[in-house]
Protein backbone atom coordinates (compact mmCIF):
# COMPACT_ATOMS: atom_id res chain seq x y z
CA UNK A 1 17.54 5.98 18.79
CA UNK A 2 16.48 6.91 22.36
CA UNK A 3 19.18 6.94 24.99
CA UNK A 4 17.05 4.32 26.77
CA UNK A 5 16.52 1.27 24.56
CA UNK A 6 12.76 1.33 23.92
CA UNK A 7 12.77 -2.33 22.79
CA UNK A 8 14.18 -3.48 26.12
CA UNK A 9 12.41 -0.92 28.30
CA UNK A 10 8.81 -1.62 27.20
CA UNK A 11 6.76 -4.81 27.56
CA UNK A 12 5.87 -6.80 24.42
CA UNK A 13 2.25 -5.63 24.57
CA UNK A 14 3.40 -2.01 24.88
CA UNK A 15 5.81 -2.41 21.95
CA UNK A 16 3.11 -3.84 19.69
CA UNK A 17 0.75 -0.96 20.49
CA UNK A 18 3.51 1.66 20.44
CA UNK A 19 4.81 0.61 17.02
CA UNK A 20 1.65 -0.61 15.32
CA UNK A 21 -0.90 2.03 16.28
CA UNK A 22 1.10 5.00 14.91
CA UNK A 23 1.91 2.99 11.77
CA UNK A 24 -1.76 2.15 11.27
CA UNK A 25 -2.74 5.80 11.76
CA UNK A 26 -0.01 6.96 9.41
CA UNK A 27 -0.92 4.53 6.64
CA UNK A 28 -4.66 5.14 6.94
CA UNK A 29 -4.16 8.88 6.86
CA UNK A 30 -1.73 8.64 3.97
CA UNK A 31 -4.11 6.39 2.06
CA UNK A 32 -6.79 9.01 2.50
CA UNK A 33 -4.89 10.88 -0.22
CA UNK A 34 -6.23 8.40 -2.76
CA UNK A 35 -9.63 8.22 -1.07
CA UNK A 36 -9.90 12.02 -0.90
CA UNK A 37 -8.82 12.37 -4.52
CA UNK A 38 -11.46 9.85 -5.62
CA UNK A 39 -14.13 11.57 -3.49
CA UNK A 40 -13.31 14.99 -4.97
CA UNK A 41 -13.29 13.50 -8.49
CA UNK A 42 -16.75 12.09 -7.79
CA UNK A 43 -18.06 15.57 -6.97
CA UNK A 44 -16.90 17.52 -10.03
CA UNK A 45 -20.42 18.02 -11.33
CA UNK A 46 -21.03 17.12 -14.95
CA UNK A 47 -17.59 15.53 -15.41
CA UNK A 48 -17.75 13.37 -12.24
CA UNK A 49 -18.39 10.16 -14.15
CA UNK A 50 -15.51 10.79 -16.55
CA UNK A 51 -13.19 11.93 -13.72
CA UNK A 52 -13.90 8.77 -11.69
CA UNK A 53 -13.25 6.64 -14.76
CA UNK A 54 -9.95 8.49 -15.33
CA UNK A 55 -8.90 7.75 -11.74
CA UNK A 56 -9.91 4.11 -12.24
CA UNK A 57 -7.89 3.87 -15.45
CA UNK A 58 -4.84 5.29 -13.66
CA UNK A 59 -5.05 2.86 -10.74
CA UNK A 60 -2.59 0.31 -12.24
CA UNK A 61 0.04 3.04 -12.74
CA UNK A 62 -0.54 4.58 -9.31
CA UNK A 63 -0.33 1.13 -7.69
CA UNK A 64 2.96 0.57 -9.50
CA UNK A 65 4.34 3.83 -8.09
CA UNK A 66 3.33 2.75 -4.59
CA UNK A 67 4.95 -0.64 -5.21
CA UNK A 68 8.26 1.00 -6.10
CA UNK A 69 8.16 3.05 -2.88
CA UNK A 70 7.96 -0.10 -0.80
CA UNK A 71 11.26 -1.58 -2.05
CA UNK A 72 13.38 0.70 0.11
CA UNK A 73 10.70 2.19 2.37
CA UNK A 74 10.02 -1.09 4.17
CA UNK A 75 13.35 -2.89 3.82
CA UNK A 76 15.53 -0.06 5.18
CA UNK A 77 13.61 0.09 8.45
CA UNK A 78 13.67 -3.71 8.86
CA UNK A 79 17.44 -3.91 8.39
CA UNK A 80 18.02 -0.89 10.66
CA UNK A 81 15.95 -2.58 13.40
CA UNK A 82 18.06 -5.73 13.09
CA UNK A 83 21.29 -3.72 13.30
CA UNK A 84 19.97 -1.90 16.38
CA UNK A 85 19.34 -5.32 17.93
CA UNK A 86 22.95 -6.19 17.15
CA UNK A 87 24.03 -2.77 18.54
CA UNK A 88 25.97 -2.01 15.33
CA UNK A 89 25.83 1.80 14.88
CA UNK A 90 28.07 1.91 11.79
CA UNK A 91 25.85 -0.57 9.96
CA UNK A 92 22.77 1.43 10.98
CA UNK A 93 24.23 4.61 9.47
CA UNK A 94 25.41 2.93 6.28
CA UNK A 95 22.07 1.18 5.79
CA UNK A 96 20.28 4.53 6.16
CA UNK A 97 22.66 6.11 3.64
CA UNK A 98 22.19 3.41 0.99
CA UNK A 99 18.42 3.27 1.55
CA UNK A 100 18.00 7.04 1.21
CA UNK A 101 19.95 7.46 -2.02
CA UNK A 102 18.52 4.29 -3.55
CA UNK A 103 14.98 5.48 -2.78
CA UNK A 104 15.58 8.87 -4.41
CA UNK A 105 17.32 7.56 -7.53
CA UNK A 106 14.87 4.72 -8.17
CA UNK A 107 11.76 6.93 -7.75
CA UNK A 108 13.22 9.58 -10.05
CA UNK A 109 14.02 7.05 -12.79
CA UNK A 110 10.55 5.47 -12.57
CA UNK A 111 8.84 8.85 -12.76
CA UNK A 112 10.95 9.81 -15.78
CA UNK A 113 10.11 6.56 -17.58
CA UNK A 114 6.38 7.01 -16.96
CA UNK A 115 6.57 10.59 -18.24
CA UNK A 116 8.27 9.47 -21.46
CA UNK A 117 5.91 6.53 -21.99
CA UNK A 118 2.64 8.02 -20.72
CA UNK A 119 0.80 8.01 -24.07
CA UNK A 120 1.41 4.33 -24.91
CA UNK A 121 0.72 3.39 -21.27
CA UNK A 122 -2.65 5.15 -21.27
CA UNK A 123 -3.49 3.57 -24.63
CA UNK A 124 -2.70 0.12 -23.23
CA UNK A 125 -4.91 0.83 -20.22
CA UNK A 126 -7.78 1.63 -22.56
CA UNK A 127 -8.06 5.36 -21.85
CA UNK A 128 -9.63 7.28 -24.74
CA UNK A 129 -11.28 10.63 -25.41
CA UNK A 130 -12.02 12.86 -22.42
CA UNK A 131 -11.07 10.09 -19.97
CA UNK A 132 -7.54 10.06 -21.42
CA UNK A 133 -7.27 13.87 -21.27
CA UNK A 134 -8.18 13.95 -17.56
CA UNK A 135 -5.99 10.92 -16.78
CA UNK A 136 -3.01 12.63 -18.42
CA UNK A 137 -3.58 15.85 -16.46
CA UNK A 138 -3.43 13.94 -13.17
CA UNK A 139 -0.52 11.68 -14.21
CA UNK A 140 1.78 14.55 -15.22
CA UNK A 141 1.66 15.85 -11.65
CA UNK A 142 1.63 12.38 -10.04
CA UNK A 143 5.07 11.56 -11.45
CA UNK A 144 6.45 14.63 -9.63
CA UNK A 145 4.89 13.96 -6.23
CA UNK A 146 5.98 10.30 -6.52
CA UNK A 147 9.61 11.27 -5.76
CA UNK A 148 8.69 13.19 -2.59
CA UNK A 149 6.26 10.45 -1.54
CA UNK A 150 8.85 7.68 -2.01
CA UNK A 151 11.62 9.34 -0.03
CA UNK A 152 9.24 10.66 2.64
CA UNK A 153 7.79 7.20 3.16
CA UNK A 154 11.25 5.72 3.58
CA UNK A 155 12.20 8.41 6.13
CA UNK A 156 9.09 8.01 8.29
CA UNK A 157 9.68 4.23 8.42
CA UNK A 158 13.22 4.90 9.61
CA UNK A 159 11.95 7.29 12.27
CA UNK A 160 9.84 4.41 13.60
CA UNK A 161 12.83 2.05 13.53
CA UNK A 162 14.90 4.56 15.50
CA UNK A 163 12.33 4.40 18.30
CA UNK A 164 10.00 7.33 17.55
CA UNK A 165 6.84 5.66 16.21
CA UNK A 166 4.49 8.39 17.54
CA UNK A 167 5.97 10.89 15.07
CA UNK A 168 4.19 9.00 12.27
CA UNK A 169 0.82 10.08 13.64
CA UNK A 170 1.73 13.77 13.68
CA UNK A 171 3.19 13.62 10.18
CA UNK A 172 0.20 11.69 8.83
CA UNK A 173 -2.46 13.91 10.44
CA UNK A 174 -0.83 17.19 9.43
CA UNK A 175 -0.16 16.01 5.84
CA UNK A 176 -3.78 14.85 5.48
CA UNK A 177 -5.14 18.17 6.73
CA UNK A 178 -2.91 20.02 4.26
CA UNK A 179 -4.09 17.70 1.48
CA UNK A 180 -7.78 18.33 2.19
CA UNK A 181 -7.38 22.09 2.56
CA UNK A 182 -5.48 22.47 -0.71
CA UNK A 183 -7.89 20.10 -2.46
CA UNK A 184 -10.74 22.46 -1.59
CA UNK A 185 -8.70 25.52 -2.60
CA UNK A 186 -7.41 24.17 -5.94
CA UNK A 187 -10.40 22.05 -7.00
CA UNK A 188 -13.31 24.30 -6.02
CA UNK A 189 -11.74 27.65 -5.10
CA UNK A 190 -9.69 27.95 -8.30
CA UNK A 191 -11.93 25.56 -10.27
CA UNK A 192 -8.90 23.53 -11.43
CA UNK A 193 -10.74 20.19 -11.65
CA UNK A 194 -8.65 17.04 -11.67
CA UNK A 195 -5.43 19.06 -12.02
CA UNK A 196 -6.25 20.72 -8.69
CA UNK A 197 -6.72 17.30 -7.09
CA UNK A 198 -3.22 16.26 -8.22
CA UNK A 199 -1.62 19.56 -7.12
CA UNK A 200 -3.06 19.24 -3.61
CA UNK A 201 -1.41 15.80 -3.35
CA UNK A 202 1.89 17.30 -4.52
CA UNK A 203 1.77 19.99 -1.80
CA UNK A 204 1.05 17.42 0.94
CA UNK A 205 3.83 15.06 -0.24
CA UNK A 206 6.43 17.86 -0.32
CA UNK A 207 5.42 18.75 3.23
CA UNK A 208 5.61 15.05 4.23
CA UNK A 209 9.20 14.84 3.01
CA UNK A 210 10.33 18.14 4.57
CA UNK A 211 8.86 17.46 8.03
CA UNK A 212 10.44 13.99 8.29
CA UNK A 213 13.80 15.33 7.11
CA UNK A 214 13.64 18.17 9.68
CA UNK A 215 12.84 15.74 12.52
CA UNK A 216 15.75 13.42 11.73
CA UNK A 217 18.14 16.39 11.52
CA UNK A 218 16.89 17.84 14.81
CA UNK A 219 17.34 14.52 16.66
CA UNK A 220 20.82 13.97 15.22
CA UNK A 221 19.68 10.86 13.38
CA UNK A 222 20.44 12.05 9.86
CA UNK A 223 23.08 10.33 7.72
CA UNK A 224 26.59 10.84 9.08
CA UNK A 225 29.81 10.85 7.07
CA UNK A 226 31.33 7.40 6.87
CA UNK A 227 33.80 5.38 4.86
CA UNK A 228 31.30 3.25 2.99
CA UNK A 229 33.17 0.95 0.61
CA UNK A 230 31.71 -0.08 -2.73
CA UNK A 231 31.51 -3.71 -1.62
CA UNK A 232 29.69 -2.89 1.62
CA UNK A 233 27.32 -0.54 -0.21
CA UNK A 234 26.61 -3.24 -2.77
CA UNK A 235 25.99 -5.82 -0.04
CA UNK A 236 23.55 -3.50 1.79
CA UNK A 237 21.76 -2.60 -1.45
CA UNK A 238 21.28 -6.27 -2.37
CA UNK A 239 19.92 -7.10 1.10
CA UNK A 240 17.48 -4.13 0.92
CA UNK A 241 16.26 -5.15 -2.53
CA UNK A 242 15.81 -8.79 -1.46
CA UNK A 243 13.60 -7.79 1.48
CA UNK A 244 11.80 -4.94 -0.30
CA UNK A 245 11.18 -6.95 -3.46
CA UNK A 246 8.45 -8.91 -1.66
CA UNK A 247 6.45 -5.72 -1.00
CA UNK A 248 7.19 -4.47 -4.52
CA UNK A 249 5.99 -7.74 -5.99
CA UNK A 250 2.77 -7.62 -3.98
CA UNK A 251 1.88 -4.11 -5.07
CA UNK A 252 3.08 -4.42 -8.67
CA UNK A 253 1.03 -7.59 -9.10
CA UNK A 254 -1.91 -5.68 -7.63
CA UNK A 255 -1.29 -3.21 -10.45
CA UNK A 256 -1.34 -6.01 -13.03
CA UNK A 257 -4.54 -7.53 -11.59
CA UNK A 258 -6.15 -4.08 -11.57
CA UNK A 259 -5.22 -3.69 -15.24
CA UNK A 260 -6.71 -7.11 -16.07
CA UNK A 261 -9.94 -6.29 -14.20
CA UNK A 262 -10.21 -2.97 -16.06
CA UNK A 263 -9.80 -4.77 -19.39
CA UNK A 264 -12.42 -7.39 -18.49
CA UNK A 265 -14.87 -4.69 -17.39
CA UNK A 266 -14.33 -2.78 -20.64
CA UNK A 267 -14.98 -6.00 -22.58
CA UNK A 268 -18.24 -6.88 -20.80
CA UNK A 269 -19.38 -3.62 -19.26
CA UNK A 270 -19.14 0.12 -19.63
CA UNK A 271 -17.28 3.14 -18.27
CA UNK A 272 -19.59 3.16 -15.23
CA UNK A 273 -18.19 -0.18 -14.07
CA UNK A 274 -14.67 1.31 -14.13
CA UNK A 275 -15.88 4.15 -11.91
CA UNK A 276 -17.58 1.71 -9.51
CA UNK A 277 -14.43 -0.45 -9.41
CA UNK A 278 -12.37 2.67 -8.64
CA UNK A 279 -14.55 3.34 -5.58
CA UNK A 280 -14.41 -0.30 -4.43
CA UNK A 281 -10.64 -0.57 -4.82
CA UNK A 282 -10.25 2.58 -2.70
CA UNK A 283 -12.51 1.16 0.01
CA UNK A 284 -10.55 -2.10 -0.07
CA UNK A 285 -7.25 -0.23 0.25
CA UNK A 286 -8.49 1.85 3.19
CA UNK A 287 -9.61 -1.20 5.19
CA UNK A 288 -6.48 -3.13 4.20
CA UNK A 289 -4.07 -0.46 5.44
CA UNK A 290 -4.66 -0.97 9.18
CA UNK A 291 -3.81 -4.63 8.60
CA UNK A 292 -0.66 -3.64 6.72
CA UNK A 293 0.08 -1.08 9.45
CA UNK A 294 -0.15 -3.73 12.15
CA UNK A 295 2.21 -6.09 10.32
CA UNK A 296 4.63 -3.31 9.32
CA UNK A 297 4.66 -1.93 12.85
CA UNK A 298 5.54 -5.26 14.42
CA UNK A 299 8.19 -5.86 11.75
CA UNK A 300 10.53 -3.51 13.60
CA UNK A 301 9.81 -5.27 16.91
CA UNK A 302 10.22 -8.79 15.47
CA UNK A 303 13.36 -7.72 13.58
CA UNK A 304 14.92 -6.30 16.75
CA UNK A 305 14.35 -9.50 18.76
CA UNK A 306 15.46 -11.55 15.74
CA UNK A 307 18.70 -9.55 15.62
CA UNK A 308 19.23 -9.90 19.38
CA UNK A 309 18.54 -13.69 19.17
CA UNK A 310 15.64 -13.53 21.67
CA UNK A 311 13.46 -16.30 20.22
CA UNK A 312 11.00 -16.32 23.14
CA UNK A 313 9.97 -12.70 22.74
CA UNK A 314 9.98 -13.02 18.96
CA UNK A 315 7.50 -15.91 19.21
CA UNK A 316 5.21 -14.02 21.60
CA UNK A 317 5.07 -11.04 19.21
CA UNK A 318 4.18 -13.35 16.31
CA UNK A 319 1.36 -15.02 18.25
CA UNK A 320 -0.19 -11.71 19.28
CA UNK A 321 0.10 -10.38 15.72
CA UNK A 322 -1.95 -13.28 14.36
CA UNK A 323 -4.61 -12.79 17.03
CA UNK A 324 -4.97 -9.05 16.42
CA UNK A 325 -4.91 -9.25 12.62
CA UNK A 326 -7.67 -11.87 12.52
CA UNK A 327 -9.86 -9.99 15.02
CA UNK A 328 -9.57 -6.83 12.93
CA UNK A 329 -10.18 -8.58 9.60
CA UNK A 330 -13.37 -10.32 10.75
CA UNK A 331 -14.74 -7.16 12.40
CA UNK A 332 -14.16 -5.03 9.30
CA UNK A 333 -15.80 -7.59 7.01
CA UNK A 334 -18.97 -7.45 9.09
CA UNK A 335 -18.99 -3.63 9.20
CA UNK A 336 -18.54 -3.24 5.44
CA UNK A 337 -21.42 -5.62 4.77
CA UNK A 338 -23.68 -3.59 7.07
CA UNK A 339 -22.67 -0.09 5.90
CA UNK A 340 -21.67 -0.69 2.25
CA UNK A 341 -24.22 1.81 0.85
CA UNK A 342 -23.22 4.59 3.25
CA UNK A 343 -19.50 4.06 2.52
CA UNK A 344 -20.06 4.21 -1.25
CA UNK A 345 -21.96 7.52 -0.91
CA UNK A 346 -18.82 9.13 0.50
CA UNK A 347 -17.22 8.87 -2.94
CA UNK A 348 -20.00 9.97 -5.25
CA UNK A 349 -23.63 11.09 -5.41
CA UNK A 350 -24.17 9.22 -8.71
CA UNK A 351 -26.86 6.65 -7.77
CA UNK A 352 -26.04 4.48 -10.81
CA UNK A 353 -22.40 4.05 -9.76
CA UNK A 354 -23.40 3.52 -6.11
CA UNK A 355 -25.79 0.69 -7.07
CA UNK A 356 -22.96 -1.01 -8.98
CA UNK A 357 -20.37 -0.46 -6.23
CA UNK A 358 -22.34 -1.96 -3.31
CA UNK A 359 -22.42 -5.62 -4.48
CA UNK A 360 -18.85 -5.38 -5.81
CA UNK A 361 -17.38 -4.23 -2.49
CA UNK A 362 -19.29 -6.99 -0.64
CA UNK A 363 -17.84 -9.62 -2.98
CA UNK A 364 -14.31 -8.29 -2.46
CA UNK A 365 -14.35 -8.04 1.35
CA UNK A 366 -15.89 -11.46 1.99
CA UNK A 367 -12.36 -12.90 1.80
CA UNK A 368 -10.77 -10.18 3.92
CA UNK A 369 -10.06 -12.48 6.91
CA UNK A 370 -7.99 -14.70 4.59
CA UNK A 371 -5.94 -11.65 3.61
CA UNK A 372 -5.22 -11.16 7.31
CA UNK A 373 -3.56 -14.57 7.38
CA UNK A 374 -1.69 -13.95 4.11
CA UNK A 375 -0.21 -10.60 5.15
CA UNK A 376 0.92 -11.87 8.55
CA UNK A 377 2.58 -14.86 6.94
CA UNK A 378 4.45 -12.63 4.47
CA UNK A 379 5.60 -10.37 7.34
CA UNK A 380 7.03 -13.31 9.29
CA UNK A 381 8.80 -14.57 6.16
CA UNK A 382 10.43 -11.19 5.48
CA UNK A 383 11.83 -10.79 8.98
CA UNK A 384 12.96 -14.43 9.18
CA UNK A 385 15.02 -14.16 5.99
CA UNK A 386 12.60 -16.21 3.85
CA UNK A 387 12.12 -13.53 1.20
CA UNK A 388 12.02 -16.07 -1.64
CA UNK A 389 9.20 -18.01 0.02
CA UNK A 390 7.25 -14.78 0.50
CA UNK A 391 7.72 -13.89 -3.17
CA UNK A 392 6.60 -17.37 -4.20
CA UNK A 393 3.47 -17.04 -2.06
CA UNK A 394 2.48 -13.75 -3.70
CA UNK A 395 3.23 -15.06 -7.19
CA UNK A 396 0.97 -18.03 -6.47
CA UNK A 397 -1.84 -15.78 -5.28
CA UNK A 398 -1.73 -13.34 -8.18
CA UNK A 399 -0.24 -15.14 -11.22
CA UNK A 400 -1.60 -18.65 -10.67
CA UNK A 401 -4.91 -17.81 -8.99
CA UNK A 402 -6.27 -14.24 -9.02
CA UNK A 403 -5.39 -13.05 -12.53
CA UNK A 404 -6.36 -16.28 -14.38
CA UNK A 405 -9.62 -16.49 -12.41
CA UNK A 406 -10.40 -12.84 -13.24
CA UNK A 407 -10.31 -13.79 -16.92
CA UNK A 408 -11.85 -17.27 -16.75
CA UNK A 409 -14.79 -16.69 -14.38
CA UNK A 410 -16.55 -14.03 -16.53
CA UNK A 411 -16.30 -16.38 -19.54
CA UNK A 412 -17.81 -19.28 -17.57
CA UNK A 413 -20.62 -17.20 -16.05
CA UNK A 414 -21.37 -15.59 -19.41
CA UNK A 415 -21.55 -18.92 -21.23
CA UNK A 416 -23.58 -20.91 -18.69
CA UNK A 417 -25.56 -18.08 -17.02
CA UNK A 418 -24.81 -19.42 -13.53
CA UNK A 419 -27.13 -18.01 -10.83
CA UNK A 420 -27.90 -15.06 -13.13
CA UNK A 421 -24.56 -13.49 -12.18
CA UNK A 422 -23.32 -11.18 -14.94
CA UNK A 423 -19.72 -11.42 -16.28
CA UNK A 424 -19.04 -7.91 -14.91
CA UNK A 425 -19.67 -9.14 -11.35
CA UNK A 426 -18.16 -12.59 -11.91
CA UNK A 427 -14.70 -11.03 -12.34
CA UNK A 428 -14.75 -9.94 -8.69
CA UNK A 429 -15.42 -13.47 -7.42
CA UNK A 430 -11.76 -14.15 -8.26
CA UNK A 431 -10.68 -12.20 -5.16
CA UNK A 432 -12.33 -14.33 -2.45
CA UNK A 433 -11.74 -17.61 -4.29
CA UNK A 434 -8.00 -16.98 -4.81
CA UNK A 435 -7.45 -15.86 -1.19
CA UNK A 436 -9.24 -18.92 0.20
CA UNK A 437 -7.30 -21.35 -2.01
CA UNK A 438 -3.98 -19.74 -1.06
CA UNK A 439 -4.65 -20.06 2.68
CA UNK A 440 -5.48 -23.74 2.19
CA UNK A 441 -2.28 -24.30 0.17
CA UNK A 442 -0.03 -22.55 2.72
CA UNK A 443 -1.70 -23.62 5.99
CA UNK A 444 1.18 -25.95 6.99
CA UNK A 445 3.79 -23.30 6.16
CA UNK A 446 1.98 -20.77 8.31
CA UNK A 447 1.92 -23.11 11.33
CA UNK A 448 5.62 -23.91 10.93
CA UNK A 449 6.75 -20.27 10.78
CA UNK A 450 4.55 -19.33 13.72
CA UNK A 451 6.25 -22.00 15.85
CA UNK A 452 9.78 -21.16 14.64
């Protein structure tokens, strides 16, 4: 950390901007990997339709990989920020050590399991024929870059916690440029198709890991030798998993809901709907990431003041976070409604897929302001030690509301022909309905945590 304590030196407004803006930039730029991959897949000529469908089929697996990254990527930085607030350097070092090795081992094991089970997984997802061939080509490289992505993500979060949030922007920008350049080289220069798309991601993720490692070494922030007992290591690991499990649950349930939506679309629609859904889910992720970046950025600030027992400053940060998240969410909803057609054209020139994607993305983003409330509430719960409540909230949203509605609504609209809405589009109504119902159910909880 800086010789001058950045948390005490800067005003609350400065801390929110200083920590959130670089995190938002980093996440948006990193997410462009998926957006860029989808865009390149949509411009592969005669196989564009099949390539987009392959990317759509893989989305549940790729979301699961991202979910696993979050367990230690987010939790390590939160705990480190708390320990910095307590001025406990030994705990900071030991937390970093456990988080680093746990991130590497867990990502390696997950990648190995997916490699061994890829055929049955793709069969379950409904991939067949040429779609399965292309999906497998991408997946075999994805399980390699997953390890570098997981550890790199954990390291850049720690860099922010140590008081260097601006570094995220440099890392994100440079990694994105490398990704785009190699995508052009591999995909079009060497005509490697979807395999080239995956290889460009691998190159950028290796760079991402190496540059963050080099920065931490240069600043003397890398793991130092210490007498870490088994009991202390176990205690730290459990605390990291408890905090990180909330983020893992959110993303893994997103993977499950994506799988359910794919299955419903296959039942009622065609391959084109999978391609359109792939585009819409990418757009949704891109607009969601600044919101996640804001909440993740302030996590370090809230955690520091929580650790130093400064309730006044902690409360001010929470209030401003709610204000900013809601302003952003409402603004983005309006913009997507206005420019939906232009945004969809970024991903593909296929007019059939574009015409399907436009109404879908409008249905999905109509509830975006409610997501702003949900994500801020989960952030406050994580930092305040209410991990179980945060997990319960996400389980309610996905298991009790979103997933059942994704299955039930198409059946109802198909049977009763309500407002001439087809079952293929009815499945997407589950997103705004579930988000609205959750906010209503948790409104009292949100007010209580905000005042705490």
